[in-house]
Amino acid sequence: MKSLDIPRRATWVWIGLVAATCVTWWFGVDHPLASISIEFASAGAVAIAFAKAFFIGSEFMELRSAPRALRRAFACWVAVVGATAIILLVC
């Protein structure tokens, strides 16, 4: 019997994305930060969302094997837009 040819890296990234989605949901439903400050819970959810966007772009859109300038431009875009969204949310 042949073993399935499943890309291990993509599988682990997918499992991490599912876990991050569960944590984001937990921030919105039951997290202690939500009772203290909804802005900080929301900022955590937004930070996780942009981290997920980075991993989706890197792994599933294959930017990991793209030219270095494109990888850096994508990483800078995720960092700048994510930080701006979090700052606007908290302030």
C-alpha atoms as a PDB file:
ATOM      1  CA  MET A   1       0.000   0.000   0.000  1.00  0.00           C
ATOM      2  CA  LYS A   2       1.367   3.399  -0.983  1.00  0.00           C
ATOM      3  CA  SER A   3       1.411   6.222   1.490  1.00  0.00           C
ATOM      4  CA  LEU A   4      -0.375   9.417   0.573  1.00  0.00           C
ATOM      5  CA  ASP A   5       1.842  12.156  -0.784  1.00  0.00           C
ATOM      6  CA  ILE A   6       0.679  14.928   1.551  1.00  0.00           C
ATOM      7  CA  PRO A   7       2.883  18.018   1.813  1.00  0.00           C
ATOM      8  CA  ARG A   8       3.792  18.084   5.483  1.00  0.00           C
ATOM      9  CA  ARG A   9       4.567  21.800   5.661  1.00  0.00           C
ATOM     10  CA  ALA A  10       1.215  22.792   4.151  1.00  0.00           C
ATOM     11  CA  THR A  11      -0.584  20.436   6.519  1.00  0.00           C
ATOM     12  CA  TRP A  12       1.065  21.976   9.572  1.00  0.00           C
ATOM     13  CA  VAL A  13       0.337  25.487   8.320  1.00  0.00           C
ATOM     14  CA  TRP A  14      -3.290  24.511   7.785  1.00  0.00           C
ATOM     15  CA  ILE A  15      -3.522  23.091  11.318  1.00  0.00           C
ATOM     16  CA  GLY A  16      -2.017  26.328  12.656  1.00  0.00           C
ATOM     17  CA  LEU A  17      -4.543  28.383  10.680  1.00  0.00           C
ATOM     18  CA  VAL A  18      -7.414  26.358  12.114  1.00  0.00           C
ATOM     19  CA  ALA A  19      -6.017  26.828  15.632  1.00  0.00           C
ATOM     20  CA  ALA A  20      -5.624  30.581  15.024  1.00  0.00           C
ATOM     21  CA  THR A  21      -9.238  30.729  13.862  1.00  0.00           C
ATOM     22  CA  CYS A  22     -10.333  29.033  17.091  1.00  0.00           C
ATOM     23  CA  VAL A  23      -8.313  31.514  19.154  1.00  0.00           C
ATOM     24  CA  THR A  24      -9.868  34.424  17.247  1.00  0.00           C
ATOM     25  CA  TRP A  25     -13.312  33.026  17.948  1.00  0.00           C
ATOM     26  CA  TRP A  26     -12.381  32.622  21.636  1.00  0.00           C
ATOM     27  CA  PHE A  27     -11.349  36.303  21.734  1.00  0.00           C
ATOM     28  CA  GLY A  28     -14.833  37.265  20.605  1.00  0.00           C
ATOM     29  CA  VAL A  29     -16.780  34.926  22.862  1.00  0.00           C
ATOM     30  CA  ASP A  30     -15.112  34.069  26.146  1.00  0.00           C
ATOM     31  CA  HIS A  31     -11.765  35.773  26.516  1.00  0.00           C
ATOM     32  CA  PRO A  32     -11.078  37.720  29.733  1.00  0.00           C
ATOM     33  CA  LEU A  33      -9.728  40.627  27.688  1.00  0.00           C
ATOM     34  CA  ALA A  34     -13.152  41.057  26.103  1.00  0.00           C
ATOM     35  CA  SER A  35     -14.683  41.821  29.487  1.00  0.00           C
ATOM     36  CA  ILE A  36     -11.876  44.275  30.378  1.00  0.00           C
ATOM     37  CA  SER A  37     -11.430  46.041  27.059  1.00  0.00           C
ATOM     38  CA  ILE A  38     -13.121  45.129  23.815  1.00  0.00           C
ATOM     39  CA  GLU A  39     -10.521  47.175  21.903  1.00  0.00           C
ATOM     40  CA  PHE A  40      -7.630  44.981  23.065  1.00  0.00           C
ATOM     41  CA  ALA A  41      -9.533  41.772  22.348  1.00  0.00           C
ATOM     42  CA  SER A  42     -10.346  43.130  18.886  1.00  0.00           C
ATOM     43  CA  ALA A  43      -6.727  44.150  18.352  1.00  0.00           C
ATOM     44  CA  GLY A  44      -5.646  40.591  19.184  1.00  0.00           C
ATOM     45  CA  ALA A  45      -8.145  39.210  16.691  1.00  0.00           C
ATOM     46  CA  VAL A  46      -6.923  41.621  13.999  1.00  0.00           C
ATOM     47  CA  ALA A  47      -3.293  40.705  14.712  1.00  0.00           C
ATOM     48  CA  ILE A  48      -4.127  37.026  14.325  1.00  0.00           C
ATOM     49  CA  ALA A  49      -6.000  37.771  11.093  1.00  0.00           C
ATOM     50  CA  PHE A  50      -2.981  39.484   9.561  1.00  0.00           C
ATOM     51  CA  ALA A  51      -0.673  36.703  10.745  1.00  0.00           C
ATOM     52  CA  LYS A  52      -3.010  34.250   9.032  1.00  0.00           C
ATOM     53  CA  ALA A  53      -2.908  36.371   5.868  1.00  0.00           C
ATOM     54  CA  PHE A  54       0.894  36.209   5.948  1.00  0.00           C
ATOM     55  CA  PHE A  55       0.933  32.419   6.290  1.00  0.00           C
ATOM     56  CA  ILE A  56      -1.717  31.951   3.598  1.00  0.00           C
ATOM     57  CA  GLY A  57       0.274  34.152   1.212  1.00  0.00           C
ATOM     58  CA  SER A  58       3.548  32.469   2.044  1.00  0.00           C
ATOM     59  CA  GLU A  59       2.433  28.858   1.926  1.00  0.00           C
ATOM     60  CA  PHE A  60      -0.681  28.522  -0.212  1.00  0.00           C
ATOM     61  CA  MET A  61       0.005  31.333  -2.693  1.00  0.00           C
ATOM     62  CA  GLU A  62       3.610  30.109  -2.885  1.00  0.00           C
ATOM     63  CA  LEU A  63       5.256  33.416  -2.060  1.00  0.00           C
ATOM     64  CA  ARG A  64       7.781  31.420  -0.049  1.00  0.00           C
ATOM     65  CA  SER A  65       9.461  30.490  -3.326  1.00  0.00           C
ATOM     66  CA  ALA A  66       8.929  33.887  -5.007  1.00  0.00           C
ATOM     67  CA  PRO A  67      11.726  36.387  -5.619  1.00  0.00           C
ATOM     68  CA  ARG A  68      13.070  38.020  -2.478  1.00  0.00           C
ATOM     69  CA  ALA A  69      11.747  41.492  -3.375  1.00  0.00           C
ATOM     70  CA  LEU A  70       8.190  40.172  -3.741  1.00  0.00           C
ATOM     71  CA  ARG A  71       8.395  38.285  -0.432  1.00  0.00           C
ATOM     72  CA  ARG A  72       9.653  41.383   1.353  1.00  0.00           C
ATOM     73  CA  ALA A  73       7.024  43.606  -0.261  1.00  0.00           C
ATOM     74  CA  PHE A  74       4.288  41.217   0.845  1.00  0.00           C
ATOM     75  CA  ALA A  75       5.666  40.979   4.381  1.00  0.00           C
ATOM     76  CA  CYS A  76       5.937  44.779   4.610  1.00  0.00           C
ATOM     77  CA  TRP A  77       2.384  45.178   3.317  1.00  0.00           C
ATOM     78  CA  VAL A  78       1.041  42.757   5.932  1.00  0.00           C
ATOM     79  CA  ALA A  79       3.017  44.463   8.708  1.00  0.00           C
ATOM     80  CA  VAL A  80       2.120  48.045   7.760  1.00  0.00           C
ATOM     81  CA  VAL A  81      -1.565  47.455   7.064  1.00  0.00           C
ATOM     82  CA  GLY A  82      -1.939  45.215  10.119  1.00  0.00           C
ATOM     83  CA  ALA A  83      -0.210  47.691  12.429  1.00  0.00           C
ATOM     84  CA  THR A  84      -2.270  50.557  11.017  1.00  0.00           C
ATOM     85  CA  ALA A  85      -5.508  48.626  11.556  1.00  0.00           C
ATOM     86  CA  ILE A  86      -4.556  47.796  15.142  1.00  0.00           C
ATOM     87  CA  ILE A  87      -3.531  51.401  15.906  1.00  0.00           C
ATOM     88  CA  LEU A  88      -6.782  52.735  14.470  1.00  0.00           C
ATOM     89  CA  LEU A  89      -8.730  50.169  16.468  1.00  0.00           C
ATOM     90  CA  VAL A  90      -7.061  50.878  19.818  1.00  0.00           C
ATOM     91  CA  CYS A  91      -6.892  54.659  19.572  1.00  0.00           C
END
